[in-house]
């Protein structure tokens, strides 16, 4: 089996719009009234003195105190995950390396959320390869963070199913697959480059072709929604489609335009269970995805997984399809878990500079967090990890440091050398020794969130008044 085949195999499992400028909150001025002046009245006919009693000053107003830890403290690390009751030996969670404090604006937004002063969600985008295409790691992150801050909604999900195993947790997603053409940067290319923010799309010119997203029952999160954005391409010759909300026709849209650009249709609805269905009326319609959110601020995780994704592929996405979506989603942090499919060390830095440069051009000052790839072994009889992965985890760390991007060593967090085979032996990894299982994705999602939280708590120690300003 070829390396590409290995990474796209169905055995693989998976496991982000204007950016607001974030400023560190400053300590409000403490105003203290001076006490009244003490006066003494004396007459020439008496020796008695009369003194006006001093009134105590009022207490300081608007003093910003440190955040009550109960407002942001997470549960301890998992000691077992799903059906895996005995975890392999795991090292302490490595710290996020952020010498340039690139994540400070992100931490400031978290602080405002923890204080109950946020007016919008904190949104995190996570790009990844096949280990992200089933939303395991990002699904665990979403569940953990929303269990603390409230169910804010699923976030972004593609309106397509580019691979048989593509799936998102805690959201309903269905489509008439035989009537849609798959589009992705890795396996189903298009010359126009209109893949959109998530590197996957779908299109159809067949009347009656439909795609649906909606809430889901009996899960920890995802049972309610109050706002949905539908993203699609407007372009010359574009067709028309209708949108139904809860089975009722809501609007008919034309995607025809003189210029090509990603756009969206926004729907507000009473907070609750809903489904949204798109149906092609005629002409060629290209759908990109949908975002599902609720009104109360929380943390939103957009899982942006593409099979066999690498940094080179992302350069083929058109600005016209990516940038409007980035500006609409307004990410507070963009994470890259990419590296399993990197094989050209001399080109990696150039690719990363271009990809991240495009994001920073569209939404300036967005914090960036680079992750090393997970561990890989080439054979079950190996005695050490794939040397390529060992070299990559160091190279990506060096590149991140050079460009002032934050970095987290995913490989070390798994246990480093030979960790994937240890994961496979207990059901945390598959026996292709490349992909994490559902339980493995959950474990690493838990560890990643705790790494972020360690950095956040360090930020709060240095900035106890963070999140105070309105």
Protein backbone atom coordinates (compact mmCIF):
# COMPACT_ATOMS: atom_id res chain seq x y z
CA UNK A 1 0.00 0.00 0.00
CA UNK A 2 1.32 3.47 -0.87
CA UNK A 3 1.96 6.06 1.80
CA UNK A 4 -0.94 8.20 0.42
CA UNK A 5 -3.20 5.17 0.45
CA UNK A 6 -2.21 4.47 4.03
CA UNK A 7 -3.11 7.96 5.15
CA UNK A 8 -6.45 7.92 3.31
CA UNK A 9 -7.44 4.38 4.31
CA UNK A 10 -10.83 3.87 5.89
CA UNK A 11 -8.97 2.60 8.89
CA UNK A 12 -7.98 6.23 9.45
CA UNK A 13 -9.88 8.18 12.02
CA UNK A 14 -9.61 11.76 13.05
CA UNK A 15 -8.74 13.11 15.77
CA UNK A 16 -10.99 27.21 12.47
CA UNK A 17 -15.24 36.98 9.38
CA UNK A 18 -13.34 39.69 10.95
CA UNK A 19 -10.84 38.95 13.69
CA UNK A 20 -11.34 41.25 16.63
CA UNK A 21 -8.16 42.93 17.91
CA UNK A 22 -7.55 41.80 21.43
CA UNK A 23 -5.96 44.07 23.99
CA UNK A 24 -4.83 43.16 27.42
CA UNK A 25 -7.28 44.54 29.97
CA UNK A 26 -5.92 47.34 32.14
CA UNK A 27 -6.55 47.92 35.83
CA UNK A 28 -9.27 50.57 36.27
CA UNK A 29 -8.30 53.60 38.37
CA UNK A 30 -9.23 53.38 42.02
CA UNK A 31 -10.92 56.58 43.14
CA UNK A 32 -10.70 57.32 46.87
CA UNK A 33 -12.42 60.39 48.32
CA UNK A 34 -10.22 62.45 50.74
CA UNK A 35 -11.61 62.66 54.27
CA UNK A 36 -13.26 65.92 55.32
CA UNK A 37 -10.90 68.55 56.71
CA UNK A 38 -10.76 68.57 60.52
CA UNK A 39 -11.65 72.02 61.88
CA UNK A 40 -11.37 73.46 65.38
CA UNK A 41 -13.55 76.30 66.64
CA UNK A 42 -12.36 78.36 69.66
CA UNK A 43 -14.00 81.42 71.27
CA UNK A 44 -12.43 84.09 73.48
CA UNK A 45 -14.90 83.46 76.27
CA UNK A 46 -14.39 79.73 76.68
CA UNK A 47 -11.63 77.29 76.73
CA UNK A 48 -13.69 74.46 75.21
CA UNK A 49 -12.64 73.21 71.72
CA UNK A 50 -15.18 71.72 69.27
CA UNK A 51 -13.87 69.26 66.64
CA UNK A 52 -15.95 67.95 63.67
CA UNK A 53 -15.69 64.18 63.57
CA UNK A 54 -13.90 62.71 60.53
CA UNK A 55 -16.07 60.56 58.16
CA UNK A 56 -14.36 57.33 57.05
CA UNK A 57 -13.58 57.27 53.31
CA UNK A 58 -15.82 55.10 51.14
CA UNK A 59 -14.44 51.76 50.01
CA UNK A 60 -12.59 51.68 46.70
CA UNK A 61 -14.85 51.29 43.68
CA UNK A 62 -14.40 49.12 40.57
CA UNK A 63 -11.38 47.25 41.85
CA UNK A 64 -10.53 44.36 39.53
CA UNK A 65 -9.74 41.23 41.48
CA UNK A 66 -8.32 37.95 40.25
CA UNK A 67 -10.83 35.59 38.64
CA UNK A 68 -12.41 33.05 40.95
CA UNK A 69 -10.70 29.82 39.89
CA UNK A 70 -14.01 27.94 40.00
CA UNK A 71 -15.09 30.03 36.99
CA UNK A 72 -12.53 28.42 34.70
CA UNK A 73 -11.08 25.35 36.44
CA UNK A 74 -11.36 22.14 34.41
CA UNK A 75 -11.81 18.57 35.64
CA UNK A 76 -8.56 16.64 36.19
CA UNK A 77 -6.99 14.69 33.35
CA UNK A 78 -8.77 11.51 32.35
CA UNK A 79 -7.42 8.31 33.89
CA UNK A 80 -9.39 6.14 31.51
CA UNK A 81 -11.13 6.84 28.19
CA UNK A 82 -14.14 5.01 26.83
CA UNK A 83 -13.45 1.30 26.83
CA UNK A 84 -9.74 1.81 27.63
CA UNK A 85 -9.39 1.41 31.38
CA UNK A 86 -5.59 1.11 31.49
CA UNK A 87 -3.68 3.87 29.77
CA UNK A 88 -0.08 3.43 28.63
CA UNK A 89 2.55 5.34 30.60
CA UNK A 90 2.14 8.98 29.72
CA UNK A 91 4.59 11.81 30.40
CA UNK A 92 3.63 15.11 32.01
CA UNK A 93 1.86 17.29 29.49
CA UNK A 94 4.47 19.38 27.66
CA UNK A 95 4.00 23.12 27.94
CA UNK A 96 2.97 25.22 24.96
CA UNK A 97 6.07 27.09 23.81
CA UNK A 98 5.09 30.73 23.31
CA UNK A 99 8.12 32.93 23.96
CA UNK A 100 6.67 35.82 21.93
CA UNK A 101 3.33 35.68 23.82
CA UNK A 102 1.43 35.18 20.58
CA UNK A 103 -1.45 33.59 22.49
CA UNK A 104 -1.95 36.56 24.86
CA UNK A 105 -4.97 37.98 22.94
CA UNK A 106 -6.57 34.53 22.99
CA UNK A 107 -6.00 34.16 26.73
CA UNK A 108 -7.46 37.65 27.25
CA UNK A 109 -10.65 36.56 25.48
CA UNK A 110 -10.82 33.47 27.69
CA UNK A 111 -10.45 35.67 30.77
CA UNK A 112 -13.34 37.88 29.68
CA UNK A 113 -15.46 34.77 29.11
CA UNK A 114 -14.57 33.41 32.56
CA UNK A 115 -15.59 36.75 34.14
CA UNK A 116 -18.96 36.64 32.38
CA UNK A 117 -18.13 39.77 30.36
CA UNK A 118 -17.81 38.23 26.90
CA UNK A 119 -20.21 39.47 24.24
CA UNK A 120 -19.27 36.85 21.65
CA UNK A 121 -17.98 33.31 21.51
CA UNK A 122 -14.32 32.39 21.74
CA UNK A 123 -13.74 30.51 18.46
CA UNK A 124 -10.95 28.02 17.81
CA UNK A 125 -10.21 26.55 14.37
CA UNK A 126 -8.29 23.27 14.21
CA UNK A 127 -6.86 22.24 10.84
CA UNK A 128 -5.81 18.63 10.52
CA UNK A 129 -5.37 15.66 8.23
CA UNK A 130 -7.12 12.29 8.38
CA UNK A 131 -6.78 12.18 12.16
CA UNK A 132 -9.19 15.13 12.21
CA UNK A 133 -11.80 13.91 9.70
CA UNK A 134 -13.94 12.17 12.32
CA UNK A 135 -13.85 15.03 14.85
CA UNK A 136 -12.65 12.78 17.69
CA UNK A 137 -10.01 15.01 19.20
CA UNK A 138 -11.89 18.24 18.43
CA UNK A 139 -15.15 16.65 19.57
CA UNK A 140 -13.57 15.86 22.93
CA UNK A 141 -12.31 19.45 23.17
CA UNK A 142 -15.77 20.79 22.37
CA UNK A 143 -17.47 18.61 24.96
CA UNK A 144 -14.96 19.40 27.70
CA UNK A 145 -14.95 23.17 27.19
CA UNK A 146 -18.70 23.50 26.67
CA UNK A 147 -19.38 21.43 29.75
CA UNK A 148 -17.64 24.28 31.61
CA UNK A 149 -18.83 27.33 29.71
CA UNK A 150 -22.11 26.11 28.25
CA UNK A 151 -23.26 24.56 24.98
CA UNK A 152 -22.50 27.32 22.50
CA UNK A 153 -23.27 25.23 19.42
CA UNK A 154 -21.38 22.84 17.19
CA UNK A 155 -19.60 25.40 15.05
CA UNK A 156 -18.63 24.71 11.45
CA UNK A 157 -19.38 21.52 9.54
CA UNK A 158 -18.99 20.80 5.82
CA UNK A 159 -22.12 20.24 3.74
CA UNK A 160 -20.27 17.43 2.02
CA UNK A 161 -18.99 13.96 2.78
CA UNK A 162 -15.77 13.78 0.77
CA UNK A 163 -14.79 10.40 2.26
CA UNK A 164 -16.91 7.55 3.53
CA UNK A 165 -15.56 7.97 7.07
CA UNK A 166 -15.98 11.78 7.25
CA UNK A 167 -18.08 12.53 10.31
CA UNK A 168 -18.64 15.20 12.98
CA UNK A 169 -19.68 14.46 16.53
CA UNK A 170 -22.80 15.92 18.15
CA UNK A 171 -24.40 17.26 14.97
CA UNK A 172 -26.71 15.71 12.38
CA UNK A 173 -25.41 15.73 8.82
CA UNK A 174 -26.99 13.98 5.82
CA UNK A 175 -27.10 14.41 2.03
CA UNK A 176 -28.17 12.67 -1.16
CA UNK A 177 -24.62 11.55 -1.84
CA UNK A 178 -25.11 10.14 -5.32
CA UNK A 179 -26.28 13.55 -6.60
CA UNK A 180 -23.28 15.53 -5.37
CA UNK A 181 -19.71 15.80 -6.67
CA UNK A 182 -17.02 15.63 -4.00
CA UNK A 183 -14.40 18.39 -3.84
CA UNK A 184 -11.27 18.50 -1.68
CA UNK A 185 -7.71 19.77 -1.85
CA UNK A 186 -6.28 16.27 -1.44
CA UNK A 187 -8.34 13.84 -3.50
CA UNK A 188 -10.93 15.68 -5.64
CA UNK A 189 -9.40 18.77 -7.18
CA UNK A 190 -11.02 21.71 -8.97
CA UNK A 191 -9.17 24.16 -11.18
CA UNK A 192 -10.88 27.26 -9.80
CA UNK A 193 -9.53 26.65 -6.28
CA UNK A 194 -12.89 27.38 -4.64
CA UNK A 195 -12.56 24.86 -1.82
CA UNK A 196 -13.48 27.30 0.94
CA UNK A 197 -12.20 27.71 4.47
CA UNK A 198 -12.23 23.99 5.29
CA UNK A 199 -10.54 22.70 2.10
CA UNK A 200 -13.62 20.61 1.20
CA UNK A 201 -16.81 21.44 -0.72
CA UNK A 202 -19.49 19.77 -2.83
CA UNK A 203 -21.46 20.76 -5.91
CA UNK A 204 -24.40 19.57 -7.95
CA UNK A 205 -26.40 20.53 -11.03
CA UNK A 206 -29.04 17.90 -10.36
CA UNK A 207 -32.44 19.30 -9.39
CA UNK A 208 -33.58 17.85 -6.09
CA UNK A 209 -30.08 17.19 -4.73
CA UNK A 210 -30.20 17.96 -1.03
CA UNK A 211 -27.90 18.37 1.97
CA UNK A 212 -29.01 18.76 5.61
CA UNK A 213 -27.49 19.76 8.95
CA UNK A 214 -29.19 19.95 12.32
CA UNK A 215 -29.14 19.43 16.04
CA UNK A 216 -28.94 16.02 17.62
CA UNK A 217 -30.59 14.42 20.64
CA UNK A 218 -29.17 12.47 23.57
CA UNK A 219 -25.63 13.87 23.42
CA UNK A 220 -23.73 16.06 25.91
CA UNK A 221 -23.84 19.05 23.53
CA UNK A 222 -25.43 19.87 20.20
CA UNK A 223 -29.13 19.55 21.08
CA UNK A 224 -29.98 23.24 20.49
CA UNK A 225 -29.16 26.03 18.04
CA UNK A 226 -30.36 29.61 17.57
CA UNK A 227 -28.26 30.86 14.62
CA UNK A 228 -27.10 29.11 11.44
CA UNK A 229 -24.89 30.45 8.65
CA UNK A 230 -24.97 28.64 5.30
CA UNK A 231 -21.81 29.19 3.24
CA UNK A 232 -21.79 28.81 -0.55
CA UNK A 233 -20.01 30.12 -3.63
CA UNK A 234 -21.43 32.93 -5.76
CA UNK A 235 -19.90 32.76 -9.24
CA UNK A 236 -20.66 33.26 -12.93
CA UNK A 237 -23.23 30.72 -14.09
CA UNK A 238 -24.15 29.69 -10.56
CA UNK A 239 -27.44 27.90 -10.04
CA UNK A 240 -30.27 28.37 -7.57
CA UNK A 241 -31.28 26.48 -4.46
CA UNK A 242 -33.88 26.63 -1.75
CA UNK A 243 -33.40 26.48 2.00
CA UNK A 244 -35.90 24.88 4.34
CA UNK A 245 -35.86 25.37 8.10
CA UNK A 246 -37.64 22.62 10.01
CA UNK A 247 -39.30 21.49 6.79
CA UNK A 248 -40.70 24.92 5.88
CA UNK A 249 -39.42 26.82 2.86
CA UNK A 250 -37.45 29.83 4.15
CA UNK A 251 -35.75 31.35 1.11
CA UNK A 252 -34.71 30.68 -2.48
CA UNK A 253 -31.24 31.89 -3.42
CA UNK A 254 -29.33 32.37 -6.65
CA UNK A 255 -25.61 31.72 -6.61
CA UNK A 256 -25.09 33.54 -9.94
CA UNK A 257 -22.71 36.51 -9.81
CA UNK A 258 -20.33 38.39 -12.08
CA UNK A 259 -17.49 37.61 -9.66
CA UNK A 260 -16.63 34.54 -7.64
CA UNK A 261 -16.71 34.83 -3.85
CA UNK A 262 -17.78 32.81 -0.86
CA UNK A 263 -20.85 34.23 0.84
CA UNK A 264 -23.39 33.17 3.43
CA UNK A 265 -27.05 33.31 4.36
CA UNK A 266 -27.82 33.84 8.05
CA UNK A 267 -30.80 32.42 9.91
CA UNK A 268 -31.93 33.32 13.43
CA UNK A 269 -34.40 31.00 15.14
CA UNK A 270 -35.77 30.31 18.61
CA UNK A 271 -33.21 28.46 20.69
CA UNK A 272 -33.99 24.78 20.37
CA UNK A 273 -33.83 21.73 18.13
CA UNK A 274 -33.74 22.59 14.42
CA UNK A 275 -32.68 21.25 11.05
CA UNK A 276 -31.77 23.11 7.89
CA UNK A 277 -32.00 21.57 4.42
CA UNK A 278 -30.65 22.89 1.11
CA UNK A 279 -32.21 21.68 -2.16
CA UNK A 280 -30.87 22.41 -5.64
CA UNK A 281 -33.45 23.91 -8.00
CA UNK A 282 -31.33 24.14 -11.13
CA UNK A 283 -27.92 25.06 -12.44
CA UNK A 284 -24.64 24.30 -10.72
CA UNK A 285 -24.57 25.00 -6.99
CA UNK A 286 -21.41 24.73 -4.86
CA UNK A 287 -21.95 24.37 -1.12
CA UNK A 288 -19.14 24.95 1.36
CA UNK A 289 -20.55 24.36 4.84
CA UNK A 290 -22.66 25.63 7.72
CA UNK A 291 -22.03 26.93 11.22
CA UNK A 292 -24.41 26.22 14.11
CA UNK A 293 -24.24 28.45 17.19
CA UNK A 294 -26.25 29.68 20.16
CA UNK A 295 -26.46 33.21 21.54
CA UNK A 296 -24.85 32.81 24.99
CA UNK A 297 -21.05 33.18 24.68
CA UNK A 298 -19.05 29.97 25.09
CA UNK A 299 -16.14 28.29 23.30
CA UNK A 300 -16.70 27.08 19.74
CA UNK A 301 -14.43 24.45 18.17
CA UNK A 302 -14.39 24.32 14.35
CA UNK A 303 -12.96 20.97 13.27
CA UNK A 304 -11.41 21.45 9.81
CA UNK A 305 -10.14 18.00 8.86
CA UNK A 306 -9.08 16.98 5.35
CA UNK A 307 -7.76 13.54 4.47
CA UNK A 308 -4.01 13.58 3.65
CA UNK A 309 -3.83 17.34 4.20
CA UNK A 310 -0.46 19.07 4.21
CA UNK A 311 0.70 22.68 4.10
CA UNK A 312 1.37 22.59 0.35
CA UNK A 313 -2.26 21.74 -0.49
CA UNK A 314 -3.63 24.71 1.40
CA UNK A 315 -1.92 27.05 -1.07
CA UNK A 316 -4.33 25.89 -3.78
CA UNK A 317 -7.38 27.37 -2.00
CA UNK A 318 -8.55 30.60 -3.63
CA UNK A 319 -8.57 33.82 -1.61
CA UNK A 320 -12.10 34.41 -2.90
CA UNK A 321 -13.42 31.26 -1.26
CA UNK A 322 -11.34 31.30 1.94
CA UNK A 323 -11.01 34.93 3.06
CA UNK A 324 -14.71 35.89 3.36
CA UNK A 325 -15.28 32.80 5.48
CA UNK A 326 -12.31 33.53 7.74
CA UNK A 327 -13.61 37.06 8.30
CA UNK A 328 -17.08 35.78 9.11
CA UNK A 329 -15.94 33.08 11.52
CA UNK A 330 -13.68 35.52 13.46
CA UNK A 331 -11.32 32.96 14.96
CA UNK A 332 -9.54 33.81 18.20
CA UNK A 333 -7.03 30.99 17.67
CA UNK A 334 -6.03 28.90 14.64
CA UNK A 335 -4.39 25.53 15.32
CA UNK A 336 -2.54 23.36 12.80
CA UNK A 337 -2.22 19.61 13.48
CA UNK A 338 -0.50 18.88 10.19
CA UNK A 339 2.64 16.85 9.50
CA UNK A 340 1.75 13.21 8.94
CA UNK A 341 1.79 13.92 5.18
CA UNK A 342 4.88 16.14 5.03
CA UNK A 343 7.76 14.59 3.08
CA UNK A 344 9.78 17.57 1.78
CA UNK A 345 11.77 19.10 4.67
CA UNK A 346 13.37 21.74 2.49
CA UNK A 347 9.96 23.15 1.52
CA UNK A 348 8.02 22.95 4.79
CA UNK A 349 8.93 26.40 6.08
CA UNK A 350 8.13 28.08 2.77
CA UNK A 351 4.71 26.40 2.65
CA UNK A 352 3.90 27.33 6.24
CA UNK A 353 4.98 30.94 5.70
CA UNK A 354 2.62 31.24 2.75
CA UNK A 355 -0.36 29.47 4.36
CA UNK A 356 -0.19 31.35 7.62
CA UNK A 357 0.63 34.57 5.80
CA UNK A 358 -2.63 34.23 3.85
CA UNK A 359 -4.57 33.82 7.10
CA UNK A 360 -2.80 36.77 8.71
CA UNK A 361 -3.56 38.92 5.64
CA UNK A 362 -7.26 38.07 5.78
CA UNK A 363 -7.60 38.37 9.56
CA UNK A 364 -4.56 40.20 11.01
CA UNK A 365 -3.24 39.43 14.48
CA UNK A 366 -4.90 36.02 14.73
CA UNK A 367 -2.91 33.87 17.20
CA UNK A 368 -1.35 30.78 15.58
CA UNK A 369 -0.55 27.49 17.33
CA UNK A 370 1.49 24.84 15.48
CA UNK A 371 1.33 21.20 16.63
CA UNK A 372 3.76 18.45 15.77
CA UNK A 373 2.25 15.39 14.07
CA UNK A 374 1.30 12.32 16.11
CA UNK A 375 3.74 9.45 16.40
CA UNK A 376 4.05 6.87 13.61
CA UNK A 377 5.74 3.47 13.39
CA UNK A 378 6.34 1.92 9.98
CA UNK A 379 6.15 -1.72 11.08
CA UNK A 380 4.87 -3.58 14.11
CA UNK A 381 8.37 -4.90 14.64
CA UNK A 382 9.98 -1.44 14.76
CA UNK A 383 12.00 -0.53 17.83
CA UNK A 384 11.83 3.23 17.27
CA UNK A 385 9.44 5.78 15.78
CA UNK A 386 9.52 6.71 12.11
CA UNK A 387 12.67 8.90 11.86
CA UNK A 388 10.76 11.32 9.63
CA UNK A 389 8.30 12.09 12.45
CA UNK A 390 11.10 12.48 15.00
CA UNK A 391 12.80 15.00 12.70
CA UNK A 392 9.50 16.76 11.94
CA UNK A 393 8.58 17.41 15.54
CA UNK A 394 11.87 19.26 15.98
CA UNK A 395 11.72 21.06 12.64
CA UNK A 396 8.18 22.37 13.15
CA UNK A 397 9.12 23.58 16.62
CA UNK A 398 12.13 25.44 15.22
CA UNK A 399 10.02 27.00 12.43
CA UNK A 400 7.35 28.10 14.90
CA UNK A 401 9.93 29.71 17.16
CA UNK A 402 11.56 31.54 14.25
CA UNK A 403 8.23 33.05 13.15
CA UNK A 404 6.85 33.79 16.65
CA UNK A 405 4.09 31.19 16.39
CA UNK A 406 3.20 29.18 19.46
CA UNK A 407 4.09 25.47 19.40
CA UNK A 408 2.92 22.32 21.18
CA UNK A 409 4.67 18.98 20.84
CA UNK A 410 1.84 16.50 20.22
CA UNK A 411 4.39 13.73 19.69
CA UNK A 412 5.87 14.20 23.15
CA UNK A 413 2.39 14.46 24.68
CA UNK A 414 1.64 10.96 23.35
CA UNK A 415 4.81 9.64 24.97
CA UNK A 416 7.34 10.25 22.22
CA UNK A 417 9.31 7.31 20.82
CA UNK A 418 7.19 4.24 20.02
CA UNK A 419 4.07 5.80 21.54
CA UNK A 420 1.73 4.91 18.65
CA UNK A 421 2.36 1.21 19.01
CA UNK A 422 1.71 1.53 22.74
CA UNK A 423 -1.54 3.32 21.89
CA UNK A 424 -2.50 0.54 19.47
CA UNK A 425 -1.91 -2.19 22.03
CA UNK A 426 -4.57 -0.76 24.36
CA UNK A 427 -7.06 0.46 21.74
CA UNK A 428 -6.02 4.11 21.52
CA UNK A 429 -4.49 3.74 18.06
CA UNK A 430 -5.22 1.64 14.99
CA UNK A 431 -2.85 -1.04 13.78
CA UNK A 432 -1.85 0.95 10.70
CA UNK A 433 0.24 2.74 13.38
CA UNK A 434 -0.77 6.12 11.92
CA UNK A 435 -4.24 6.92 13.18
CA UNK A 436 -5.85 7.43 16.56
CA UNK A 437 -9.04 5.60 17.47
CA UNK A 438 -12.04 7.42 18.94
CA UNK A 439 -10.70 6.80 22.44
CA UNK A 440 -7.22 7.90 21.40
CA UNK A 441 -8.62 11.11 19.92
CA UNK A 442 -10.57 11.74 23.11
CA UNK A 443 -7.45 11.21 25.23
CA UNK A 444 -5.33 13.60 23.17
CA UNK A 445 -8.12 16.18 23.00
CA UNK A 446 -8.24 16.13 26.79
CA UNK A 447 -4.47 16.52 27.08
CA UNK A 448 -4.39 19.32 24.50
CA UNK A 449 -7.09 21.33 26.32
CA UNK A 450 -5.18 20.94 29.59
CA UNK A 451 -2.02 22.20 27.86
CA UNK A 452 -3.94 25.27 26.69
CA UNK A 453 -5.29 25.73 30.21
CA UNK A 454 -1.83 25.50 31.76
CA UNK A 455 -0.80 28.38 29.49
CA UNK A 456 -3.98 30.29 30.37
CA UNK A 457 -3.37 29.93 34.11
CA UNK A 458 0.19 31.15 33.64
CA UNK A 459 -1.17 34.17 31.79
CA UNK A 460 -3.62 34.89 34.65
CA UNK A 461 -0.81 34.83 37.21
CA UNK A 462 0.99 37.54 35.25
CA UNK A 463 -2.25 39.42 34.45
CA UNK A 464 -4.64 39.00 37.41
CA UNK A 465 -6.83 41.81 36.08
CA UNK A 466 -7.26 40.15 32.66
CA UNK A 467 -10.80 40.35 31.32
CA UNK A 468 -11.83 43.30 33.50
CA UNK A 469 -12.26 45.92 30.81
CA UNK A 470 -15.53 46.13 28.91
